[in-house]
Amino acid sequence: MAFSIDSKVKDLRKSEAASDIIAQYTSGFKTDPQMKLVGALTFRKLCSFPQAGLSAEQLAEIDEKLKALG
């Protein structure tokens, strides 16, 4: 399955490799139980909330790494 920041959070969490990439930039992506509440959102949409605390540059890096997973 190909991943990007337009993938659903629940799909990204199911993939160990994708979760590891995102966990490098955000604490709690793999462990915070509240992430289940936003599973239907795309990662891009989740990051549009100020609480995400990711810059546009970080989001672009994450997208590039996710796409490299194939």
N, C-alpha and C. Protein backbone atom coordinates (compact mmCIF):
# COMPACT_ATOMS: atom_id res chain seq x y z
N MET A 1 0.84 -1.18 0.00
CA MET A 1 0.00 0.00 0.00
C MET A 1 0.89 1.25 0.00
N ALA A 2 0.59 2.18 -0.86
CA ALA A 2 1.34 3.43 -0.94
C ALA A 2 0.81 4.40 0.11
N PHE A 3 1.72 5.07 0.80
CA PHE A 3 1.34 6.02 1.83
C PHE A 3 1.76 7.43 1.44
N SER A 4 1.04 8.39 2.00
CA SER A 4 1.38 9.81 1.87
C SER A 4 0.67 10.53 3.01
N ILE A 5 0.83 11.84 3.06
CA ILE A 5 0.13 12.58 4.10
C ILE A 5 -1.37 12.64 3.83
N ASP A 6 -1.78 12.19 2.66
CA ASP A 6 -3.21 12.12 2.34
C ASP A 6 -3.82 10.78 2.71
N SER A 7 -3.04 9.91 3.33
CA SER A 7 -3.55 8.63 3.82
C SER A 7 -4.30 8.86 5.13
N LYS A 8 -5.23 7.98 5.42
CA LYS A 8 -5.98 8.07 6.67
C LYS A 8 -5.06 7.73 7.85
N VAL A 9 -5.29 8.41 8.95
CA VAL A 9 -4.49 8.18 10.16
C VAL A 9 -4.56 6.72 10.58
N LYS A 10 -5.76 6.12 10.50
CA LYS A 10 -5.90 4.72 10.92
C LYS A 10 -5.04 3.79 10.07
N ASP A 11 -4.91 4.08 8.78
CA ASP A 11 -4.08 3.25 7.91
C ASP A 11 -2.60 3.44 8.22
N LEU A 12 -2.21 4.67 8.50
CA LEU A 12 -0.82 4.94 8.85
C LEU A 12 -0.44 4.27 10.16
N ARG A 13 -1.37 4.26 11.10
CA ARG A 13 -1.08 3.62 12.39
C ARG A 13 -0.97 2.10 12.28
N LYS A 14 -1.64 1.52 11.30
CA LYS A 14 -1.57 0.06 11.10
C LYS A 14 -0.21 -0.37 10.56
N SER A 15 0.47 0.54 9.87
CA SER A 15 1.77 0.23 9.30
C SER A 15 2.88 0.62 10.28
N GLU A 16 3.67 -0.35 10.67
CA GLU A 16 4.77 -0.10 11.61
C GLU A 16 5.77 0.88 11.01
N ALA A 17 6.09 0.71 9.73
CA ALA A 17 7.07 1.59 9.08
C ALA A 17 6.56 3.02 8.99
N ALA A 18 5.30 3.19 8.61
CA ALA A 18 4.72 4.53 8.51
C ALA A 18 4.63 5.18 9.89
N SER A 19 4.23 4.42 10.88
CA SER A 19 4.13 4.93 12.25
C SER A 19 5.48 5.37 12.77
N ASP A 20 6.51 4.60 12.45
CA ASP A 20 7.86 4.95 12.89
C ASP A 20 8.32 6.27 12.29
N ILE A 21 8.00 6.50 11.03
CA ILE A 21 8.38 7.76 10.37
C ILE A 21 7.70 8.93 11.07
N ILE A 22 6.42 8.83 11.28
CA ILE A 22 5.67 9.93 11.89
C ILE A 22 6.09 10.14 13.34
N ALA A 23 6.40 9.06 14.05
CA ALA A 23 6.82 9.16 15.45
C ALA A 23 8.13 9.92 15.60
N GLN A 24 8.93 9.99 14.53
CA GLN A 24 10.17 10.78 14.59
C GLN A 24 9.87 12.27 14.73
N TYR A 25 8.71 12.69 14.30
CA TYR A 25 8.34 14.11 14.30
C TYR A 25 7.32 14.46 15.38
N THR A 26 6.56 13.49 15.82
CA THR A 26 5.52 13.75 16.82
C THR A 26 5.55 12.69 17.90
N SER A 27 5.45 13.13 19.12
CA SER A 27 5.37 12.15 20.20
C SER A 27 3.91 11.74 20.35
N GLY A 28 3.69 10.51 20.62
CA GLY A 28 2.35 10.03 20.88
C GLY A 28 1.57 9.49 19.70
N PHE A 29 2.11 9.60 18.48
CA PHE A 29 1.35 9.10 17.34
C PHE A 29 1.05 7.62 17.48
N LYS A 30 2.01 6.88 18.00
CA LYS A 30 1.83 5.44 18.13
C LYS A 30 1.17 5.04 19.45
N THR A 31 1.26 5.90 20.46
CA THR A 31 0.84 5.48 21.80
C THR A 31 -0.37 6.22 22.35
N ASP A 32 -0.67 7.40 21.87
CA ASP A 32 -1.76 8.19 22.43
C ASP A 32 -3.11 7.57 22.06
N PRO A 33 -3.90 7.17 23.05
CA PRO A 33 -5.19 6.54 22.75
C PRO A 33 -6.17 7.47 22.02
N GLN A 34 -5.98 8.78 22.12
CA GLN A 34 -6.85 9.72 21.44
C GLN A 34 -6.68 9.68 19.93
N MET A 35 -5.60 9.11 19.45
CA MET A 35 -5.38 9.01 18.00
C MET A 35 -6.47 8.16 17.35
N LYS A 36 -7.08 7.28 18.12
CA LYS A 36 -8.17 6.47 17.57
C LYS A 36 -9.37 7.35 17.19
N LEU A 37 -9.51 8.47 17.87
CA LEU A 37 -10.64 9.37 17.60
C LEU A 37 -10.50 10.10 16.28
N VAL A 38 -9.27 10.22 15.78
CA VAL A 38 -9.03 10.96 14.53
C VAL A 38 -8.64 10.02 13.39
N GLY A 39 -8.87 8.75 13.56
CA GLY A 39 -8.48 7.75 12.57
C GLY A 39 -9.06 7.95 11.19
N ALA A 40 -10.23 8.55 11.10
CA ALA A 40 -10.88 8.73 9.80
C ALA A 40 -10.34 9.96 9.05
N LEU A 41 -9.57 10.80 9.74
CA LEU A 41 -8.99 11.98 9.08
C LEU A 41 -7.75 11.59 8.30
N THR A 42 -7.44 12.38 7.28
CA THR A 42 -6.14 12.19 6.63
C THR A 42 -5.10 12.82 7.53
N PHE A 43 -3.85 12.40 7.37
CA PHE A 43 -2.79 12.98 8.18
C PHE A 43 -2.64 14.46 7.87
N ARG A 44 -2.84 14.85 6.62
CA ARG A 44 -2.77 16.27 6.24
C ARG A 44 -3.81 17.08 7.03
N LYS A 45 -5.04 16.57 7.11
CA LYS A 45 -6.10 17.27 7.83
C LYS A 45 -5.77 17.35 9.32
N LEU A 46 -5.27 16.27 9.88
CA LEU A 46 -4.90 16.26 11.29
C LEU A 46 -3.83 17.33 11.56
N CYS A 47 -2.90 17.46 10.66
CA CYS A 47 -1.82 18.43 10.83
C CYS A 47 -2.26 19.86 10.61
N SER A 48 -3.44 20.05 10.08
CA SER A 48 -3.95 21.42 9.89
C SER A 48 -4.38 22.04 11.21
N PHE A 49 -4.55 21.22 12.24
CA PHE A 49 -4.89 21.74 13.56
C PHE A 49 -3.63 22.25 14.26
N PRO A 50 -3.70 23.39 14.91
CA PRO A 50 -2.51 23.97 15.55
C PRO A 50 -1.86 23.05 16.59
N GLN A 51 -2.65 22.20 17.21
CA GLN A 51 -2.12 21.30 18.23
C GLN A 51 -1.09 20.32 17.67
N ALA A 52 -1.14 20.07 16.38
CA ALA A 52 -0.20 19.13 15.76
C ALA A 52 1.22 19.66 15.87
N GLY A 53 1.38 20.96 15.74
CA GLY A 53 2.69 21.57 15.93
C GLY A 53 3.72 21.22 14.88
N LEU A 54 3.30 20.88 13.68
CA LEU A 54 4.25 20.55 12.60
C LEU A 54 4.31 21.70 11.60
N SER A 55 5.51 22.00 11.17
CA SER A 55 5.68 23.04 10.16
C SER A 55 5.42 22.47 8.77
N ALA A 56 5.27 23.33 7.80
CA ALA A 56 5.06 22.90 6.42
C ALA A 56 6.27 22.10 5.93
N GLU A 57 7.45 22.49 6.37
CA GLU A 57 8.67 21.78 5.97
C GLU A 57 8.69 20.36 6.54
N GLN A 58 8.30 20.23 7.81
CA GLN A 58 8.25 18.91 8.43
C GLN A 58 7.21 18.04 7.75
N LEU A 59 6.08 18.61 7.42
CA LEU A 59 5.03 17.87 6.74
C LEU A 59 5.51 17.38 5.38
N ALA A 60 6.25 18.21 4.67
CA ALA A 60 6.80 17.82 3.37
C ALA A 60 7.81 16.69 3.53
N GLU A 61 8.62 16.74 4.57
CA GLU A 61 9.59 15.67 4.83
C GLU A 61 8.89 14.35 5.12
N ILE A 62 7.86 14.42 5.95
CA ILE A 62 7.09 13.22 6.29
C ILE A 62 6.47 12.64 5.03
N ASP A 63 5.88 13.50 4.19
CA ASP A 63 5.25 13.05 2.95
C ASP A 63 6.26 12.34 2.06
N GLU A 64 7.43 12.92 1.92
CA GLU A 64 8.48 12.32 1.09
C GLU A 64 8.88 10.94 1.61
N LYS A 65 9.06 10.83 2.92
CA LYS A 65 9.46 9.55 3.52
C LYS A 65 8.35 8.50 3.40
N LEU A 66 7.10 8.93 3.57
CA LEU A 66 5.99 7.99 3.44
C LEU A 66 5.88 7.47 2.00
N LYS A 67 6.03 8.35 1.05
CA LYS A 67 5.97 7.95 -0.36
C LYS A 67 7.11 7.01 -0.72
N ALA A 68 8.25 7.15 -0.07
CA ALA A 68 9.41 6.29 -0.33
C ALA A 68 9.18 4.86 0.15
N LEU A 69 8.21 4.67 1.04
CA LEU A 69 7.90 3.31 1.50
C LEU A 69 7.36 2.45 0.37
N GLY A 70 6.82 3.10 -0.64
CA GLY A 70 6.32 2.35 -1.81
C GLY A 70 4.88 2.18 -1.74
